[in-house]
């Protein structure tokens, strides 16, 4: 689990240095190098779990952001955060460990229903991020979908063929996600 840090973090080689990744099969790597979660969603969760001892990092995020919403981030958008440059890749898909953290496995269903999962990014240019750094969108992805909409698609049982085809054609989507959607078309 993540705890707030007092100093900067450094993004390098598909990871946040000094970050511990428990299961490298599903966490970390090129497309999940750093996890961003919006502070704007904390008030909602504090109402759902009022007895929790709240700190930034409760959702496993490496960076708790302000003003960067999943509904406004598109897959492929490029941002400068601190001295690093990152690209939005995919939303977080919650696993049982979130339930362990909150001592409630039902949080996974609530997290999905809430629809604001946070954003994984890949590192385009290594660098340092510290509290108070400005997040600047350097480039908006063309013809892409928002992280929030993609998360909704991931959690929709019956996916429309046209939507799957659009996802497969999305140049910013990781290959393993495209392969997953291709199998659904078979």
Foldseek 3Di string as FASTA:
>chain_A
DDADDQWKWKQDDQATPPDDDDDVVQATDQQQRFWEAEPVCVVVVCVVVVVDDDGPCLLVGPYHDYPDFQQPAWQQWWKQAANWIKGWEAFDQDDCVNCVSSVHSCVNVVCLVVQTRTTGIGTPGIDIHDPPTDIGGPDHDPPTGGNSVRSNQVPDPDHDPVVLVSQLPRPRYDPVVNVVSVVVVD
